[in-house]
Amino acid sequence: MQVKVRNNNVESALRVFKKKSSEVIFEVRERESYKSPSAKRHRAKKSAVARERRRQSTQVHPRRDRKF
């Protein structure tokens, strides 16, 4: 893996290197052990639910005027 340093800007080159290496490390960790297809589906569903919760929490909900 190579990262070019442009205009002696080592900080940005280091940031690019970390981003590239994190992708590789993630893939290695994924392949470290066998996961059954049902476990993969379970993990994917769990992450989808978490994403939806985060999305719902950031949305602005209009306030209802309730008359009792």
PDB file of N, CA and C in Angstrom:
ATOM      1  N   MET A   1       0.835  -1.161   0.000  1.00  0.00           N
ATOM      2  CA  MET A   1       0.000   0.000   0.000  1.00  0.00           C
ATOM      3  C   MET A   1       0.891   1.239   0.000  1.00  0.00           C
ATOM      4  N   GLN A   2       0.608   2.159  -0.912  1.00  0.00           N
ATOM      5  CA  GLN A   2       1.423   3.358  -1.015  1.00  0.00           C
ATOM      6  C   GLN A   2       0.546   4.594  -0.901  1.00  0.00           C
ATOM      7  N   VAL A   3       1.100   5.589  -0.253  1.00  0.00           N
ATOM      8  CA  VAL A   3       0.433   6.879  -0.140  1.00  0.00           C
ATOM      9  C   VAL A   3       1.450   7.941  -0.527  1.00  0.00           C
ATOM     10  N   LYS A   4       1.064   8.805  -1.451  1.00  0.00           N
ATOM     11  CA  LYS A   4       1.981   9.847  -1.900  1.00  0.00           C
ATOM     12  C   LYS A   4       1.823  11.084  -1.015  1.00  0.00           C
ATOM     13  N   VAL A   5       2.971  11.653  -0.644  1.00  0.00           N
ATOM     14  CA  VAL A   5       2.982  12.893   0.136  1.00  0.00           C
ATOM     15  C   VAL A   5       3.144  14.034  -0.854  1.00  0.00           C
ATOM     16  N   ARG A   6       2.163  14.924  -0.865  1.00  0.00           N
ATOM     17  CA  ARG A   6       2.199  16.044  -1.800  1.00  0.00           C
ATOM     18  C   ARG A   6       2.465  17.331  -1.041  1.00  0.00           C
ATOM     19  N   ASN A   7       3.331  18.131  -1.569  1.00  0.00           N
ATOM     20  CA  ASN A   7       3.676  19.445  -0.995  1.00  0.00           C
ATOM     21  C   ASN A   7       4.113  19.341   0.464  1.00  0.00           C
ATOM     22  N   ASN A   8       4.835  18.289   0.781  1.00  0.00           N
ATOM     23  CA  ASN A   8       5.325  18.054   2.148  1.00  0.00           C
ATOM     24  C   ASN A   8       4.207  18.075   3.188  1.00  0.00           C
ATOM     25  N   ASN A   9       3.001  17.661   2.785  1.00  0.00           N
ATOM     26  CA  ASN A   9       1.860  17.638   3.689  1.00  0.00           C
ATOM     27  C   ASN A   9       1.709  16.221   4.250  1.00  0.00           C
ATOM     28  N   VAL A  10       2.463  15.953   5.297  1.00  0.00           N
ATOM     29  CA  VAL A  10       2.492  14.611   5.882  1.00  0.00           C
ATOM     30  C   VAL A  10       1.183  14.305   6.614  1.00  0.00           C
ATOM     31  N   GLU A  11       0.544  15.322   7.215  1.00  0.00           N
ATOM     32  CA  GLU A  11      -0.680  15.097   7.972  1.00  0.00           C
ATOM     33  C   GLU A  11      -1.788  14.535   7.095  1.00  0.00           C
ATOM     34  N   SER A  12      -1.978  15.115   5.920  1.00  0.00           N
ATOM     35  CA  SER A  12      -3.034  14.616   5.043  1.00  0.00           C
ATOM     36  C   SER A  12      -2.675  13.234   4.502  1.00  0.00           C
ATOM     37  N   ALA A  13      -1.397  12.988   4.240  1.00  0.00           N
ATOM     38  CA  ALA A  13      -0.977  11.675   3.768  1.00  0.00           C
ATOM     39  C   ALA A  13      -1.202  10.618   4.844  1.00  0.00           C
ATOM     40  N   LEU A  14      -0.964  10.978   6.092  1.00  0.00           N
ATOM     41  CA  LEU A  14      -1.196  10.058   7.196  1.00  0.00           C
ATOM     42  C   LEU A  14      -2.689   9.755   7.334  1.00  0.00           C
ATOM     43  N   ARG A  15      -3.519  10.771   7.143  1.00  0.00           N
ATOM     44  CA  ARG A  15      -4.969  10.577   7.226  1.00  0.00           C
ATOM     45  C   ARG A  15      -5.440   9.612   6.136  1.00  0.00           C
ATOM     46  N   VAL A  16      -4.920   9.778   4.922  1.00  0.00           N
ATOM     47  CA  VAL A  16      -5.267   8.896   3.813  1.00  0.00           C
ATOM     48  C   VAL A  16      -4.799   7.475   4.103  1.00  0.00           C
ATOM     49  N   PHE A  17      -3.593   7.345   4.642  1.00  0.00           N
ATOM     50  CA  PHE A  17      -3.065   6.019   4.971  1.00  0.00           C
ATOM     51  C   PHE A  17      -3.934   5.326   6.014  1.00  0.00           C
ATOM     52  N   LYS A  18      -4.331   6.057   7.048  1.00  0.00           N
ATOM     53  CA  LYS A  18      -5.174   5.459   8.091  1.00  0.00           C
ATOM     54  C   LYS A  18      -6.509   4.995   7.524  1.00  0.00           C
ATOM     55  N   LYS A  19      -7.081   5.783   6.624  1.00  0.00           N
ATOM     56  CA  LYS A  19      -8.357   5.414   6.020  1.00  0.00           C
ATOM     57  C   LYS A  19      -8.224   4.144   5.184  1.00  0.00           C
ATOM     58  N   LYS A  20      -7.150   4.071   4.393  1.00  0.00           N
ATOM     59  CA  LYS A  20      -6.924   2.884   3.561  1.00  0.00           C
ATOM     60  C   LYS A  20      -6.641   1.654   4.417  1.00  0.00           C
ATOM     61  N   SER A  21      -5.850   1.824   5.447  1.00  0.00           N
ATOM     62  CA  SER A  21      -5.488   0.671   6.274  1.00  0.00           C
ATOM     63  C   SER A  21      -6.663   0.210   7.124  1.00  0.00           C
ATOM     64  N   SER A  22      -7.570   1.109   7.500  1.00  0.00           N
ATOM     65  CA  SER A  22      -8.718   0.688   8.309  1.00  0.00           C
ATOM     66  C   SER A  22      -9.631  -0.231   7.512  1.00  0.00           C
ATOM     67  N   GLU A  23      -9.759   0.018   6.205  1.00  0.00           N
ATOM     68  CA  GLU A  23     -10.564  -0.859   5.362  1.00  0.00           C
ATOM     69  C   GLU A  23      -9.966  -2.261   5.313  1.00  0.00           C
ATOM     70  N   VAL A  24      -8.659  -2.338   5.203  1.00  0.00           N
ATOM     71  CA  VAL A  24      -7.980  -3.634   5.132  1.00  0.00           C
ATOM     72  C   VAL A  24      -8.114  -4.367   6.467  1.00  0.00           C
ATOM     73  N   ILE A  25      -7.928  -3.638   7.557  1.00  0.00           N
ATOM     74  CA  ILE A  25      -8.023  -4.253   8.887  1.00  0.00           C
ATOM     75  C   ILE A  25      -9.425  -4.776   9.131  1.00  0.00           C
ATOM     76  N   PHE A  26     -10.446  -4.019   8.704  1.00  0.00           N
ATOM     77  CA  PHE A  26     -11.828  -4.459   8.870  1.00  0.00           C
ATOM     78  C   PHE A  26     -12.069  -5.768   8.131  1.00  0.00           C
ATOM     79  N   GLU A  27     -11.572  -5.849   6.906  1.00  0.00           N
ATOM     80  CA  GLU A  27     -11.761  -7.063   6.116  1.00  0.00           C
ATOM     81  C   GLU A  27     -11.046  -8.253   6.753  1.00  0.00           C
ATOM     82  N   VAL A  28      -9.861  -8.042   7.278  1.00  0.00           N
ATOM     83  CA  VAL A  28      -9.112  -9.131   7.923  1.00  0.00           C
ATOM     84  C   VAL A  28      -9.875  -9.627   9.149  1.00  0.00           C
ATOM     85  N   ARG A  29     -10.401  -8.714   9.933  1.00  0.00           N
ATOM     86  CA  ARG A  29     -11.168  -9.106  11.118  1.00  0.00           C
ATOM     87  C   ARG A  29     -12.426  -9.872  10.733  1.00  0.00           C
ATOM     88  N   GLU A  30     -13.065  -9.485   9.639  1.00  0.00           N
ATOM     89  CA  GLU A  30     -14.259 -10.177   9.179  1.00  0.00           C
ATOM     90  C   GLU A  30     -13.935 -11.617   8.772  1.00  0.00           C
ATOM     91  N   ARG A  31     -12.781 -11.813   8.158  1.00  0.00           N
ATOM     92  CA  ARG A  31     -12.420 -13.139   7.668  1.00  0.00           C
ATOM     93  C   ARG A  31     -11.710 -13.995   8.714  1.00  0.00           C
ATOM     94  N   GLU A  32     -11.470 -13.427   9.893  1.00  0.00           N
ATOM     95  CA  GLU A  32     -10.729 -14.141  10.929  1.00  0.00           C
ATOM     96  C   GLU A  32     -11.410 -15.445  11.343  1.00  0.00           C
ATOM     97  N   SER A  33     -12.713 -15.412  11.475  1.00  0.00           N
ATOM     98  CA  SER A  33     -13.428 -16.608  11.903  1.00  0.00           C
ATOM     99  C   SER A  33     -14.651 -16.798  11.031  1.00  0.00           C
ATOM    100  N   TYR A  34     -15.129 -18.037  10.971  1.00  0.00           N
ATOM    101  CA  TYR A  34     -16.286 -18.353  10.154  1.00  0.00           C
ATOM    102  C   TYR A  34     -17.554 -17.880  10.838  1.00  0.00           C
ATOM    103  N   LYS A  35     -18.420 -17.235  10.068  1.00  0.00           N
ATOM    104  CA  LYS A  35     -19.726 -16.832  10.567  1.00  0.00           C
ATOM    105  C   LYS A  35     -20.776 -17.473   9.674  1.00  0.00           C
ATOM    106  N   SER A  36     -21.736 -18.120  10.302  1.00  0.00           N
ATOM    107  CA  SER A  36     -22.773 -18.783   9.524  1.00  0.00           C
ATOM    108  C   SER A  36     -23.635 -17.748   8.809  1.00  0.00           C
ATOM    109  N   PRO A  37     -24.290 -18.141   7.731  1.00  0.00           N
ATOM    110  CA  PRO A  37     -25.138 -17.185   7.012  1.00  0.00           C
ATOM    111  C   PRO A  37     -26.235 -16.582   7.888  1.00  0.00           C
ATOM    112  N   SER A  38     -26.784 -17.363   8.796  1.00  0.00           N
ATOM    113  CA  SER A  38     -27.827 -16.819   9.662  1.00  0.00           C
ATOM    114  C   SER A  38     -27.245 -15.784  10.625  1.00  0.00           C
ATOM    115  N   ALA A  39     -26.017 -15.991  11.077  1.00  0.00           N
ATOM    116  CA  ALA A  39     -25.371 -15.015  11.956  1.00  0.00           C
ATOM    117  C   ALA A  39     -25.082 -13.728  11.195  1.00  0.00           C
ATOM    118  N   LYS A  40     -24.705 -13.851   9.911  1.00  0.00           N
ATOM    119  CA  LYS A  40     -24.472 -12.666   9.090  1.00  0.00           C
ATOM    120  C   LYS A  40     -25.765 -11.878   8.911  1.00  0.00           C
ATOM    121  N   ARG A  41     -26.872 -12.587   8.650  1.00  0.00           N
ATOM    122  CA  ARG A  41     -28.158 -11.906   8.496  1.00  0.00           C
ATOM    123  C   ARG A  41     -28.575 -11.220   9.782  1.00  0.00           C
ATOM    124  N   HIS A  42     -28.364 -11.911  10.912  1.00  0.00           N
ATOM    125  CA  HIS A  42     -28.715 -11.346  12.212  1.00  0.00           C
ATOM    126  C   HIS A  42     -27.920 -10.071  12.470  1.00  0.00           C
ATOM    127  N   ARG A  43     -26.636 -10.106  12.164  1.00  0.00           N
ATOM    128  CA  ARG A  43     -25.786  -8.928  12.375  1.00  0.00           C
ATOM    129  C   ARG A  43     -26.201  -7.778  11.460  1.00  0.00           C
ATOM    130  N   ALA A  44     -26.534  -8.104  10.208  1.00  0.00           N
ATOM    131  CA  ALA A  44     -26.954  -7.072   9.259  1.00  0.00           C
ATOM    132  C   ALA A  44     -28.268  -6.434   9.705  1.00  0.00           C
ATOM    133  N   LYS A  45     -29.201  -7.253  10.179  1.00  0.00           N
ATOM    134  CA  LYS A  45     -30.481  -6.718  10.641  1.00  0.00           C
ATOM    135  C   LYS A  45     -30.283  -5.840  11.867  1.00  0.00           C
ATOM    136  N   LYS A  46     -29.417  -6.260  12.769  1.00  0.00           N
ATOM    137  CA  LYS A  46     -29.151  -5.496  13.980  1.00  0.00           C
ATOM    138  C   LYS A  46     -28.550  -4.134  13.642  1.00  0.00           C
ATOM    139  N   SER A  47     -27.623  -4.101  12.689  1.00  0.00           N
ATOM    140  CA  SER A  47     -27.020  -2.827  12.310  1.00  0.00           C
ATOM    141  C   SER A  47     -28.030  -1.945  11.575  1.00  0.00           C
ATOM    142  N   ALA A  48     -28.936  -2.551  10.792  1.00  0.00           N
ATOM    143  CA  ALA A  48     -29.958  -1.773  10.103  1.00  0.00           C
ATOM    144  C   ALA A  48     -30.913  -1.127  11.097  1.00  0.00           C
ATOM    145  N   VAL A  49     -31.275  -1.856  12.146  1.00  0.00           N
ATOM    146  CA  VAL A  49     -32.152  -1.308  13.183  1.00  0.00           C
ATOM    147  C   VAL A  49     -31.462  -0.153  13.887  1.00  0.00           C
ATOM    148  N   ALA A  50     -30.186  -0.301  14.184  1.00  0.00           N
ATOM    149  CA  ALA A  50     -29.435   0.762  14.851  1.00  0.00           C
ATOM    150  C   ALA A  50     -29.348   1.999  13.963  1.00  0.00           C
ATOM    151  N   ARG A  51     -29.105   1.802  12.656  1.00  0.00           N
ATOM    152  CA  ARG A  51     -29.064   2.935  11.732  1.00  0.00           C
ATOM    153  C   ARG A  51     -30.400   3.665  11.688  1.00  0.00           C
ATOM    154  N   GLU A  52     -31.485   2.910  11.655  1.00  0.00           N
ATOM    155  CA  GLU A  52     -32.812   3.513  11.609  1.00  0.00           C
ATOM    156  C   GLU A  52     -33.109   4.282  12.891  1.00  0.00           C
ATOM    157  N   ARG A  53     -32.703   3.749  14.033  1.00  0.00           N
ATOM    158  CA  ARG A  53     -32.891   4.464  15.297  1.00  0.00           C
ATOM    159  C   ARG A  53     -32.131   5.785  15.300  1.00  0.00           C
ATOM    160  N   ARG A  54     -30.888   5.758  14.810  1.00  0.00           N
ATOM    161  CA  ARG A  54     -30.108   6.987  14.745  1.00  0.00           C
ATOM    162  C   ARG A  54     -30.770   7.990  13.804  1.00  0.00           C
ATOM    163  N   ARG A  55     -31.263   7.504  12.665  1.00  0.00           N
ATOM    164  CA  ARG A  55     -31.910   8.382  11.694  1.00  0.00           C
ATOM    165  C   ARG A  55     -33.176   8.992  12.292  1.00  0.00           C
ATOM    166  N   GLN A  56     -33.958   8.177  12.994  1.00  0.00           N
ATOM    167  CA  GLN A  56     -35.192   8.668  13.611  1.00  0.00           C
ATOM    168  C   GLN A  56     -34.901   9.683  14.709  1.00  0.00           C
ATOM    169  N   SER A  57     -33.838   9.483  15.454  1.00  0.00           N
ATOM    170  CA  SER A  57     -33.545  10.383  16.566  1.00  0.00           C
ATOM    171  C   SER A  57     -33.061  11.745  16.086  1.00  0.00           C
ATOM    172  N   THR A  58     -32.503  11.815  14.881  1.00  0.00           N
ATOM    173  CA  THR A  58     -32.004  13.100  14.391  1.00  0.00           C
ATOM    174  C   THR A  58     -33.076  13.889  13.659  1.00  0.00           C
ATOM    175  N   GLN A  59     -34.187  13.248  13.285  1.00  0.00           N
ATOM    176  CA  GLN A  59     -35.245  13.957  12.581  1.00  0.00           C
ATOM    177  C   GLN A  59     -36.019  14.844  13.539  1.00  0.00           C
ATOM    178  N   VAL A  60     -36.508  15.939  13.023  1.00  0.00           N
ATOM    179  CA  VAL A  60     -37.312  16.851  13.816  1.00  0.00           C
ATOM    180  C   VAL A  60     -38.775  16.463  13.628  1.00  0.00           C
ATOM    181  N   HIS A  61     -39.418  16.146  14.737  1.00  0.00           N
ATOM    182  CA  HIS A  61     -40.823  15.764  14.684  1.00  0.00           C
ATOM    183  C   HIS A  61     -41.690  16.974  15.009  1.00  0.00           C
ATOM    184  N   PRO A  62     -42.717  17.210  14.231  1.00  0.00           N
ATOM    185  CA  PRO A  62     -43.591  18.337  14.546  1.00  0.00           C
ATOM    186  C   PRO A  62     -44.362  18.058  15.841  1.00  0.00           C
ATOM    187  N   ARG A  63     -44.530  19.080  16.597  1.00  0.00           N
ATOM    188  CA  ARG A  63     -45.218  18.917  17.883  1.00  0.00           C
ATOM    189  C   ARG A  63     -46.720  18.904  17.657  1.00  0.00           C
ATOM    190  N   ARG A  64     -47.364  17.941  18.245  1.00  0.00           N
ATOM    191  CA  ARG A  64     -48.819  17.837  18.109  1.00  0.00           C
ATOM    192  C   ARG A  64     -49.486  18.713  19.161  1.00  0.00           C
ATOM    193  N   ASP A  65     -50.512  19.389  18.743  1.00  0.00           N
ATOM    194  CA  ASP A  65     -51.322  20.137  19.695  1.00  0.00           C
ATOM    195  C   ASP A  65     -52.496  19.257  20.080  1.00  0.00           C
ATOM    196  N   ARG A  66     -52.440  18.749  21.282  1.00  0.00           N
ATOM    197  CA  ARG A  66     -53.506  17.859  21.755  1.00  0.00           C
ATOM    198  C   ARG A  66     -54.485  18.647  22.605  1.00  0.00           C
ATOM    199  N   LYS A  67     -55.721  18.487  22.267  1.00  0.00           N
ATOM    200  CA  LYS A  67     -56.769  19.154  23.056  1.00  0.00           C
ATOM    201  C   LYS A  67     -57.551  18.077  23.785  1.00  0.00           C
ATOM    202  N   PHE A  68     -57.525  18.147  25.075  1.00  0.00           N
ATOM    203  CA  PHE A  68     -58.214  17.138  25.869  1.00  0.00           C
ATOM    204  C   PHE A  68     -59.473  17.704  26.438  1.00  0.00           C
TER     205      PHE A  68
END
